[in-house]
Amino acid sequence: MDVTPTSDPDLAALAVRGDRTAFAELVSRHQGKVRGMMRRLSGSAADGDDLAQVAFVTAWEKISTYSGGRFQSWVCAIAYRCFLQAKRREKPQVPLDAATEQTAPEAPVGLKQDLSSALNQLSEPQRLLVVLCTQAGLTHAEASRLLDWPLGTVKSHHLRGTWRLRELLSDYRLSAG
């Protein structure tokens, strides 16, 4: 009887030996989180998808460095580093919130657009930690290691960012109840 590995570490071990099918399963399991994280950090669906693809190519190239633990945290760390590299290379652009203010439709915008706008109103550390911990599902300890920030700083920025998002999106809570 052939037993198919189901855990991320088992699939990663097969991928280390060159099993592309095992790695494809890992991509399938984690691409939603990574793409969502990259879209939120970059402020663009297209840029976020491109960065996620670069992150998974990099993960394939560096799969031998995976040493266990949560694969999701490992690949999100790679994605974050890809984001930082892209950010260093890009030229300054008009902030997303300024561009949307000029072209905002008169009709109410959807929750996704409001969430993107609300995220852009957070400080950079708050936005980063809301995306890493809430969107990508990293623990505070994992985000602390990834960013090389003290755990208390990570918790504080994540909590303040979450509170601020709730405040900014309070109209949705009132209309949902």
Protein backbone atom coordinates (compact mmCIF):
# COMPACT_ATOMS: atom_id res chain seq x y z
CA MET A 1 0.00 0.00 0.00
CA ASP A 2 1.40 3.40 -1.03
CA VAL A 3 1.22 6.01 1.74
CA THR A 4 1.11 9.59 0.53
CA PRO A 5 2.73 12.10 2.90
CA THR A 6 0.27 14.67 4.17
CA SER A 7 2.31 16.88 6.48
CA ASP A 8 4.21 19.89 5.22
CA PRO A 9 7.54 18.62 6.61
CA ASP A 10 7.04 15.26 4.82
CA LEU A 11 6.25 17.04 1.54
CA ALA A 12 9.23 19.35 2.01
CA ALA A 13 11.51 16.35 2.59
CA LEU A 14 10.33 14.89 -0.72
CA ALA A 15 10.82 18.26 -2.42
CA VAL A 16 14.41 18.39 -1.14
CA ARG A 17 14.97 15.16 -3.08
CA GLY A 18 13.60 16.84 -6.22
CA ASP A 19 9.94 15.79 -6.06
CA ARG A 20 8.17 18.59 -7.92
CA THR A 21 4.74 17.11 -7.21
CA ALA A 22 5.36 17.35 -3.46
CA PHE A 23 6.47 20.96 -3.82
CA ALA A 24 3.42 21.71 -6.00
CA GLU A 25 1.23 20.43 -3.15
CA LEU A 26 3.01 22.79 -0.75
CA VAL A 27 2.43 25.68 -3.15
CA SER A 28 -1.22 24.71 -3.47
CA ARG A 29 -1.63 24.67 0.33
CA HIS A 30 0.05 28.00 1.00
CA GLN A 31 -0.34 30.15 -2.10
CA GLY A 32 -3.52 31.82 -0.82
CA LYS A 33 -1.83 33.10 2.32
CA VAL A 34 1.33 34.18 0.51
CA ARG A 35 -0.56 35.90 -2.33
CA GLY A 36 -2.83 37.68 0.15
CA MET A 37 0.14 38.81 2.20
CA MET A 38 2.00 40.10 -0.85
CA ARG A 39 -1.08 41.86 -2.24
CA ARG A 40 -1.61 43.67 1.06
CA LEU A 41 2.04 44.62 1.47
CA SER A 42 2.48 45.80 -2.12
CA GLY A 43 -0.93 47.47 -2.40
CA SER A 44 -1.52 45.86 -5.79
CA ALA A 45 -2.99 42.51 -6.83
CA ALA A 46 -0.71 42.23 -9.86
CA ASP A 47 2.45 43.17 -7.97
CA GLY A 48 1.45 40.93 -5.09
CA ASP A 49 0.92 37.96 -7.39
CA ASP A 50 4.28 38.58 -9.07
CA LEU A 51 6.01 38.75 -5.68
CA ALA A 52 4.28 35.56 -4.53
CA GLN A 53 5.51 33.78 -7.64
CA VAL A 54 9.06 34.99 -7.02
CA ALA A 55 8.76 33.82 -3.42
CA PHE A 56 7.73 30.30 -4.42
CA VAL A 57 10.48 30.07 -7.05
CA THR A 58 12.94 31.15 -4.36
CA ALA A 59 11.45 28.63 -1.94
CA TRP A 60 11.96 25.86 -4.52
CA GLU A 61 15.56 26.94 -5.02
CA LYS A 62 16.16 27.06 -1.25
CA ILE A 63 14.03 24.09 -0.17
CA SER A 64 17.11 22.37 1.22
CA THR A 65 17.35 25.13 3.87
CA TYR A 66 13.90 24.31 5.29
CA SER A 67 14.63 22.79 8.68
CA GLY A 68 11.18 21.84 9.90
CA GLY A 69 8.61 23.84 11.78
CA ARG A 70 5.70 25.54 10.08
CA PHE A 71 6.27 25.60 6.33
CA GLN A 72 3.86 28.52 6.09
CA SER A 73 6.11 30.64 8.32
CA TRP A 74 9.19 29.67 6.35
CA VAL A 75 7.66 30.55 2.97
CA CYS A 76 6.11 33.78 4.35
CA ALA A 77 9.56 34.81 5.56
CA ILE A 78 10.92 34.25 2.06
CA ALA A 79 8.02 36.23 0.60
CA TYR A 80 8.63 39.11 2.98
CA ARG A 81 12.30 39.26 2.00
CA CYS A 82 11.24 39.28 -1.69
CA PHE A 83 8.92 42.19 -0.89
CA LEU A 84 11.75 44.12 0.81
CA GLN A 85 14.06 43.54 -2.15
CA ALA A 86 11.40 44.75 -4.58
CA LYS A 87 10.68 47.78 -2.41
CA ARG A 88 14.36 48.75 -2.40
CA ARG A 89 14.46 48.54 -6.22
CA GLU A 90 11.27 50.48 -6.94
CA LYS A 91 11.10 54.17 -7.62
CA PRO A 92 8.91 56.36 -5.39
CA GLN A 93 5.31 56.39 -6.57
CA VAL A 94 2.12 58.21 -5.67
CA PRO A 95 0.74 56.60 -2.49
CA LEU A 96 -2.19 54.26 -3.12
CA ASP A 97 -4.54 56.21 -0.87
CA ALA A 98 -3.83 59.48 -2.74
CA ALA A 99 -4.55 57.82 -6.09
CA THR A 100 -7.83 56.33 -4.88
CA GLU A 101 -8.99 59.65 -3.44
CA GLN A 102 -8.75 61.26 -6.88
CA THR A 103 -10.67 58.51 -8.68
CA ALA A 104 -13.07 57.44 -5.95
CA PRO A 105 -16.53 56.60 -7.32
CA GLU A 106 -19.58 58.26 -5.85
CA ALA A 107 -21.17 54.90 -5.04
CA PRO A 108 -20.12 53.17 -1.81
CA VAL A 109 -17.00 51.07 -2.22
CA GLY A 110 -16.82 47.42 -1.23
CA LEU A 111 -15.28 46.03 1.90
CA LYS A 112 -12.11 44.93 0.06
CA GLN A 113 -11.43 48.45 -1.12
CA ASP A 114 -12.26 49.87 2.29
CA LEU A 115 -9.94 47.34 3.94
CA SER A 116 -7.12 48.30 1.57
CA SER A 117 -7.74 51.96 2.27
CA ALA A 118 -7.87 51.32 6.03
CA LEU A 119 -4.62 49.34 5.91
CA ASN A 120 -2.96 52.24 4.10
CA GLN A 121 -3.97 54.53 6.98
CA LEU A 122 -2.00 52.47 9.51
CA SER A 123 1.59 53.22 10.33
CA GLU A 124 4.00 51.05 8.34
CA PRO A 125 4.89 48.81 11.33
CA GLN A 126 1.21 48.35 12.20
CA ARG A 127 0.26 47.52 8.61
CA LEU A 128 3.17 45.12 8.28
CA LEU A 129 2.26 43.24 11.46
CA VAL A 130 -1.47 43.12 10.72
CA VAL A 131 -0.64 41.58 7.35
CA LEU A 132 1.97 39.15 8.72
CA CYS A 133 0.05 38.04 11.80
CA THR A 134 -3.57 38.32 10.69
CA GLN A 135 -3.43 37.81 6.93
CA ALA A 136 -0.46 35.43 6.68
CA GLY A 137 -1.12 33.73 10.03
CA LEU A 138 2.33 34.11 11.54
CA THR A 139 2.52 34.01 15.32
CA HIS A 140 3.94 36.99 17.16
CA ALA A 141 7.08 34.95 17.89
CA GLU A 142 7.50 34.06 14.21
CA ALA A 143 7.03 37.69 13.14
CA SER A 144 9.50 38.77 15.81
CA ARG A 145 12.14 36.40 14.46
CA LEU A 146 11.41 37.34 10.85
CA LEU A 147 11.68 41.08 11.45
CA ASP A 148 14.35 40.80 14.16
CA TRP A 149 12.19 42.98 16.40
CA PRO A 150 11.52 42.48 20.12
CA LEU A 151 8.44 40.36 20.80
CA GLY A 152 6.79 43.14 22.82
CA THR A 153 7.21 45.58 19.93
CA VAL A 154 5.61 43.10 17.54
CA LYS A 155 2.66 42.50 19.89
CA SER A 156 2.19 46.22 20.48
CA HIS A 157 2.17 47.20 16.79
CA HIS A 158 -0.12 44.28 15.90
CA LEU A 159 -2.59 45.14 18.65
CA ARG A 160 -2.62 48.86 17.86
CA GLY A 161 -3.02 48.13 14.14
CA THR A 162 -5.91 45.75 14.81
CA TRP A 163 -7.64 48.29 17.04
CA ARG A 164 -7.19 51.02 14.46
CA LEU A 165 -8.60 48.78 11.70
CA ARG A 166 -11.65 48.05 13.84
CA GLU A 167 -12.13 51.77 14.34
CA LEU A 168 -11.73 52.53 10.62
CA LEU A 169 -14.09 49.72 9.58
CA SER A 170 -16.65 50.25 12.37
CA ASP A 171 -19.41 51.09 9.86
CA TYR A 172 -19.32 47.49 8.64
CA ARG A 173 -19.78 46.12 12.14
CA LEU A 174 -22.75 48.41 12.75
CA SER A 175 -24.47 47.52 9.47
CA ALA A 176 -23.82 43.77 9.91
CA GLY A 177 -25.55 43.59 13.27
